[in-house]
Amino acid sequence: MAKQLRHDGFTLIEMLLVLTIISVFISLTMAHPQFNLLQNTTEYEIKKLTSEIDYYQAYAIKSHAPVMLLFRPNRNDIKVETINPHRVTTIPLEPLQLKMTSNIRALIFNKDGKANQFGTLRFEHQQRAVSLIFHIEQGRYRISYQ
């Protein structure tokens, strides 16, 4: 009695076809990363900054106490002061550059998370200008890329 040959597994052609498809997908997803790097880096830095601002706004709501954000363009950082518990934190803004033309020096979120004033923070990152425009109602802001 002769044994029957079993054809389990992939043939060489099937394996090469699968590897070709995978390599095409990888090359398409990795295409031209140098063109997207500048935009993604600037957007990433702004998102990182706005997440810090959102965190302290949520902290003011959670702790039922005001939180002060002091923007210091000469030191290129944000000094954060919380009351409950009393703590002073400094957030460096590098690689963003806070411009002296910003018209907000201090922003206080009250216990409801509302901002005490409106104005604009202007930043520069790799020759790209970005503005955070704060509205006085409910501590909202919008991002403007120039």
Foldseek 3Di string as FASTA:
>chain_A
DDDDDDDDDDDPVVVVVVVVVVVVVVCVVPPPPVVCPQVVVVVVLVVVVVVVVVVQLVVLQVLQAKKKWFQDQVQQWIWIFTVVPTDIDIGHSPPKHWDPPWPDGMWMQGNQSFTPDWTWIWIDHPNWIKIWTFDRPNGDTDIDTD
